[in-house]
Amino acid sequence: MRAFIFEALYEISKKPYQKYFKKNKPWTVTVKDLVALPPNSLGAELHHFLTKNNFELQSKLESHDIYHVLTNIGTTVPEEISMQYFLRGNGKRSLYLFSVLTIGTIFYYSHFKRFHQEYKRGKSASKFYQIDFQKLVHLPIRNIRTTFSIH
């Protein structure tokens, strides 16, 4: 039931968040472009992630899936909350992030140890949450993780 409520809140908030709060431009890179990228590149790994999870690129929210790829954090509700803790540790601040952290911590307090570990992991990584990853999709993912100390 917790997951259902959390996912419903996400679906309700996603469109207004994209429209009113996300100021970045949508990517011009398409899924077809990702397929053509070298194996082990960020873009190829993003394509694999999207395919494996039966997801599509979402306009103005492309970086969200990149964060999953770079951090190796999954897509269950507790994992989504964990990723937001990682991003908070990495320095990201937004009303949306704080809302997820607050509601997620209340709903999934039993996962708090993991949330705290991801926060520390994000804090130990170099700041990367504001990078325009569209420009980096051709680069080897290993190099990006090494550059930003994402372990």
C-alpha atoms as a PDB file:
ATOM      1  CA  MET A   1       0.000   0.000   0.000  1.00  0.00           C
ATOM      2  CA  ARG A   2       2.896   2.383   0.800  1.00  0.00           C
ATOM      3  CA  ALA A   3       4.371   1.846  -2.657  1.00  0.00           C
ATOM      4  CA  PHE A   4       0.988   2.449  -4.303  1.00  0.00           C
ATOM      5  CA  ILE A   5       0.523   5.746  -2.445  1.00  0.00           C
ATOM      6  CA  PHE A   6       4.076   6.855  -3.166  1.00  0.00           C
ATOM      7  CA  GLU A   7       3.801   5.995  -6.875  1.00  0.00           C
ATOM      8  CA  ALA A   8       0.420   7.754  -7.108  1.00  0.00           C
ATOM      9  CA  LEU A   9       1.940  10.899  -5.590  1.00  0.00           C
ATOM     10  CA  TYR A  10       4.740  10.706  -8.162  1.00  0.00           C
ATOM     11  CA  GLU A  11       2.326  10.346 -11.082  1.00  0.00           C
ATOM     12  CA  ILE A  12       0.240  13.289  -9.847  1.00  0.00           C
ATOM     13  CA  SER A  13       3.269  15.531  -9.365  1.00  0.00           C
ATOM     14  CA  LYS A  14       5.339  14.552 -12.425  1.00  0.00           C
ATOM     15  CA  LYS A  15       3.620  16.689 -15.082  1.00  0.00           C
ATOM     16  CA  PRO A  16       3.483  19.921 -13.036  1.00  0.00           C
ATOM     17  CA  TYR A  17       7.111  19.361 -11.987  1.00  0.00           C
ATOM     18  CA  GLN A  18       8.201  18.955 -15.628  1.00  0.00           C
ATOM     19  CA  LYS A  19       6.218  21.958 -16.778  1.00  0.00           C
ATOM     20  CA  TYR A  20       6.722  24.506 -14.013  1.00  0.00           C
ATOM     21  CA  PHE A  21       9.890  23.591 -12.156  1.00  0.00           C
ATOM     22  CA  LYS A  22      12.274  21.991 -14.642  1.00  0.00           C
ATOM     23  CA  LYS A  23      14.003  24.858 -16.447  1.00  0.00           C
ATOM     24  CA  ASN A  24      16.377  22.721 -18.529  1.00  0.00           C
ATOM     25  CA  LYS A  25      15.679  22.005 -22.193  1.00  0.00           C
ATOM     26  CA  PRO A  26      14.584  18.529 -23.281  1.00  0.00           C
ATOM     27  CA  TRP A  27      17.314  16.379 -24.767  1.00  0.00           C
ATOM     28  CA  THR A  28      17.703  16.212 -28.518  1.00  0.00           C
ATOM     29  CA  VAL A  29      19.283  12.748 -28.182  1.00  0.00           C
ATOM     30  CA  THR A  30      16.780  10.004 -28.948  1.00  0.00           C
ATOM     31  CA  VAL A  31      16.620   6.339 -28.013  1.00  0.00           C
ATOM     32  CA  LYS A  32      17.743   5.552 -31.584  1.00  0.00           C
ATOM     33  CA  ASP A  33      20.822   7.722 -30.996  1.00  0.00           C
ATOM     34  CA  LEU A  34      21.573   5.816 -27.786  1.00  0.00           C
ATOM     35  CA  VAL A  35      21.484   2.470 -29.605  1.00  0.00           C
ATOM     36  CA  ALA A  36      24.197   3.650 -31.985  1.00  0.00           C
ATOM     37  CA  LEU A  37      26.632   4.608 -29.217  1.00  0.00           C
ATOM     38  CA  PRO A  38      29.652   2.458 -28.334  1.00  0.00           C
ATOM     39  CA  PRO A  39      29.195  -0.412 -25.868  1.00  0.00           C
ATOM     40  CA  ASN A  40      29.919   0.575 -22.264  1.00  0.00           C
ATOM     41  CA  SER A  41      29.290   4.247 -23.050  1.00  0.00           C
ATOM     42  CA  LEU A  42      26.967   6.223 -20.808  1.00  0.00           C
ATOM     43  CA  GLY A  43      24.388   6.337 -23.591  1.00  0.00           C
ATOM     44  CA  ALA A  44      24.559   2.597 -24.290  1.00  0.00           C
ATOM     45  CA  GLU A  45      24.144   1.906 -20.567  1.00  0.00           C
ATOM     46  CA  LEU A  46      21.213   4.340 -20.456  1.00  0.00           C
ATOM     47  CA  HIS A  47      19.609   2.497 -23.369  1.00  0.00           C
ATOM     48  CA  HIS A  48      20.117  -0.822 -21.556  1.00  0.00           C
ATOM     49  CA  PHE A  49      18.549   0.629 -18.387  1.00  0.00           C
ATOM     50  CA  LEU A  50      15.529   1.957 -20.291  1.00  0.00           C
ATOM     51  CA  THR A  51      15.029  -1.315 -22.164  1.00  0.00           C
ATOM     52  CA  LYS A  52      15.489  -3.507 -19.087  1.00  0.00           C
ATOM     53  CA  ASN A  53      12.922  -1.491 -17.128  1.00  0.00           C
ATOM     54  CA  ASN A  54      10.572  -0.896 -20.071  1.00  0.00           C
ATOM     55  CA  PHE A  55      10.992   2.884 -19.618  1.00  0.00           C
ATOM     56  CA  GLU A  56      11.072   5.744 -22.100  1.00  0.00           C
ATOM     57  CA  LEU A  57      13.089   8.948 -22.002  1.00  0.00           C
ATOM     58  CA  GLN A  58      10.936  11.574 -20.317  1.00  0.00           C
ATOM     59  CA  SER A  59      11.224  15.136 -21.526  1.00  0.00           C
ATOM     60  CA  LYS A  60      13.271  17.328 -19.144  1.00  0.00           C
ATOM     61  CA  LEU A  61      13.711  14.354 -16.774  1.00  0.00           C
ATOM     62  CA  GLU A  62      16.408  12.511 -18.718  1.00  0.00           C
ATOM     63  CA  SER A  63      19.028  13.082 -16.018  1.00  0.00           C
ATOM     64  CA  HIS A  64      16.953  11.110 -13.539  1.00  0.00           C
ATOM     65  CA  ASP A  65      17.577   7.893 -15.457  1.00  0.00           C
ATOM     66  CA  ILE A  66      21.236   8.834 -15.869  1.00  0.00           C
ATOM     67  CA  TYR A  67      21.487   9.045 -12.079  1.00  0.00           C
ATOM     68  CA  HIS A  68      20.166   5.491 -11.836  1.00  0.00           C
ATOM     69  CA  VAL A  69      22.731   4.317 -14.382  1.00  0.00           C
ATOM     70  CA  LEU A  70      25.677   6.079 -12.754  1.00  0.00           C
ATOM     71  CA  THR A  71      24.843   5.131  -9.166  1.00  0.00           C
ATOM     72  CA  ASN A  72      23.605   1.579  -9.840  1.00  0.00           C
ATOM     73  CA  ILE A  73      20.579   2.308  -7.678  1.00  0.00           C
ATOM     74  CA  GLY A  74      17.423   0.453  -8.739  1.00  0.00           C
ATOM     75  CA  THR A  75      13.883   1.618  -9.315  1.00  0.00           C
ATOM     76  CA  THR A  76      11.792   0.189  -6.480  1.00  0.00           C
ATOM     77  CA  VAL A  77      10.215   2.840  -4.282  1.00  0.00           C
ATOM     78  CA  PRO A  78      12.801   2.436  -1.474  1.00  0.00           C
ATOM     79  CA  GLU A  79      15.564   2.549  -4.110  1.00  0.00           C
ATOM     80  CA  GLU A  80      14.114   5.725  -5.643  1.00  0.00           C
ATOM     81  CA  ILE A  81      14.146   7.301  -2.188  1.00  0.00           C
ATOM     82  CA  SER A  82      17.711   6.039  -1.693  1.00  0.00           C
ATOM     83  CA  MET A  83      18.743   7.754  -4.905  1.00  0.00           C
ATOM     84  CA  GLN A  84      17.261  11.031  -3.685  1.00  0.00           C
ATOM     85  CA  TYR A  85      19.308  10.648  -0.507  1.00  0.00           C
ATOM     86  CA  PHE A  86      22.392  10.076  -2.675  1.00  0.00           C
ATOM     87  CA  LEU A  87      21.613  13.248  -4.649  1.00  0.00           C
ATOM     88  CA  ARG A  88      21.034  15.223  -1.451  1.00  0.00           C
ATOM     89  CA  GLY A  89      24.414  14.071  -0.212  1.00  0.00           C
ATOM     90  CA  ASN A  90      25.840  15.184  -3.534  1.00  0.00           C
ATOM     91  CA  GLY A  91      24.518  18.691  -2.903  1.00  0.00           C
ATOM     92  CA  LYS A  92      21.250  18.750  -4.805  1.00  0.00           C
ATOM     93  CA  ARG A  93      18.529  20.878  -3.284  1.00  0.00           C
ATOM     94  CA  SER A  94      14.995  21.244  -4.510  1.00  0.00           C
ATOM     95  CA  LEU A  95      11.500  21.337  -3.092  1.00  0.00           C
ATOM     96  CA  TYR A  96      10.721  18.130  -4.946  1.00  0.00           C
ATOM     97  CA  LEU A  97      13.763  16.343  -3.491  1.00  0.00           C
ATOM     98  CA  PHE A  98      12.949  17.474   0.043  1.00  0.00           C
ATOM     99  CA  SER A  99       9.347  16.332  -0.431  1.00  0.00           C
ATOM    100  CA  VAL A 100      10.500  12.872  -1.533  1.00  0.00           C
ATOM    101  CA  LEU A 101      12.939  12.651   1.375  1.00  0.00           C
ATOM    102  CA  THR A 102      10.299  13.684   3.913  1.00  0.00           C
ATOM    103  CA  ILE A 103       7.469  11.491   2.665  1.00  0.00           C
ATOM    104  CA  GLY A 104       9.805   8.629   1.786  1.00  0.00           C
ATOM    105  CA  THR A 105      11.443   8.622   5.212  1.00  0.00           C
ATOM    106  CA  ILE A 106       8.045   8.571   6.926  1.00  0.00           C
ATOM    107  CA  PHE A 107       6.704   5.766   4.708  1.00  0.00           C
ATOM    108  CA  TYR A 108       9.919   3.738   4.638  1.00  0.00           C
ATOM    109  CA  TYR A 109      11.585   4.479   7.956  1.00  0.00           C
ATOM    110  CA  SER A 110      12.671   0.827   8.162  1.00  0.00           C
ATOM    111  CA  HIS A 111      15.045   1.594   5.236  1.00  0.00           C
ATOM    112  CA  PHE A 112      16.659   4.574   6.926  1.00  0.00           C
ATOM    113  CA  LYS A 113      20.025   2.842   7.369  1.00  0.00           C
ATOM    114  CA  ARG A 114      20.256   2.370   3.599  1.00  0.00           C
ATOM    115  CA  PHE A 115      19.084   5.934   2.999  1.00  0.00           C
ATOM    116  CA  HIS A 116      21.837   7.217   5.274  1.00  0.00           C
ATOM    117  CA  GLN A 117      24.445   5.055   3.499  1.00  0.00           C
ATOM    118  CA  GLU A 118      23.399   6.484   0.128  1.00  0.00           C
ATOM    119  CA  TYR A 119      23.541  10.014   1.542  1.00  0.00           C
ATOM    120  CA  LYS A 120      27.143   9.398   2.656  1.00  0.00           C
ATOM    121  CA  ARG A 121      27.972   7.812  -0.698  1.00  0.00           C
ATOM    122  CA  GLY A 122      26.608  10.888  -2.499  1.00  0.00           C
ATOM    123  CA  LYS A 123      28.551  13.169  -0.180  1.00  0.00           C
ATOM    124  CA  SER A 124      31.805  11.357  -0.997  1.00  0.00           C
ATOM    125  CA  ALA A 125      31.261  11.718  -4.763  1.00  0.00           C
ATOM    126  CA  SER A 126      32.250  14.862  -6.646  1.00  0.00           C
ATOM    127  CA  LYS A 127      29.314  17.095  -7.516  1.00  0.00           C
ATOM    128  CA  PHE A 128      27.695  15.803 -10.675  1.00  0.00           C
ATOM    129  CA  TYR A 129      23.946  16.360 -10.354  1.00  0.00           C
ATOM    130  CA  GLN A 130      24.031  19.572 -12.453  1.00  0.00           C
ATOM    131  CA  ILE A 131      26.060  18.163 -15.362  1.00  0.00           C
ATOM    132  CA  ASP A 132      24.537  18.240 -18.854  1.00  0.00           C
ATOM    133  CA  PHE A 133      24.867  14.499 -19.422  1.00  0.00           C
ATOM    134  CA  GLN A 134      23.514  14.737 -22.959  1.00  0.00           C
ATOM    135  CA  LYS A 135      26.998  15.948 -23.934  1.00  0.00           C
ATOM    136  CA  LEU A 136      28.625  12.923 -22.260  1.00  0.00           C
ATOM    137  CA  VAL A 137      26.549  10.019 -23.597  1.00  0.00           C
ATOM    138  CA  HIS A 138      29.356   8.908 -25.920  1.00  0.00           C
ATOM    139  CA  LEU A 139      31.937   8.617 -23.104  1.00  0.00           C
ATOM    140  CA  PRO A 140      32.761   5.356 -21.307  1.00  0.00           C
ATOM    141  CA  ILE A 141      30.626   5.083 -18.182  1.00  0.00           C
ATOM    142  CA  ARG A 142      33.623   3.824 -16.208  1.00  0.00           C
ATOM    143  CA  ASN A 143      35.496   7.069 -16.932  1.00  0.00           C
ATOM    144  CA  ILE A 144      32.533   9.174 -15.790  1.00  0.00           C
ATOM    145  CA  ARG A 145      32.151   7.193 -12.564  1.00  0.00           C
ATOM    146  CA  THR A 146      35.896   7.511 -11.917  1.00  0.00           C
ATOM    147  CA  THR A 147      35.961  11.238 -12.683  1.00  0.00           C
ATOM    148  CA  PHE A 148      33.121  11.927 -10.230  1.00  0.00           C
ATOM    149  CA  SER A 149      34.202   9.304  -7.650  1.00  0.00           C
ATOM    150  CA  ILE A 150      30.895   7.446  -7.900  1.00  0.00           C
ATOM    151  CA  HIS A 151      31.582   4.145  -6.131  1.00  0.00           C
END
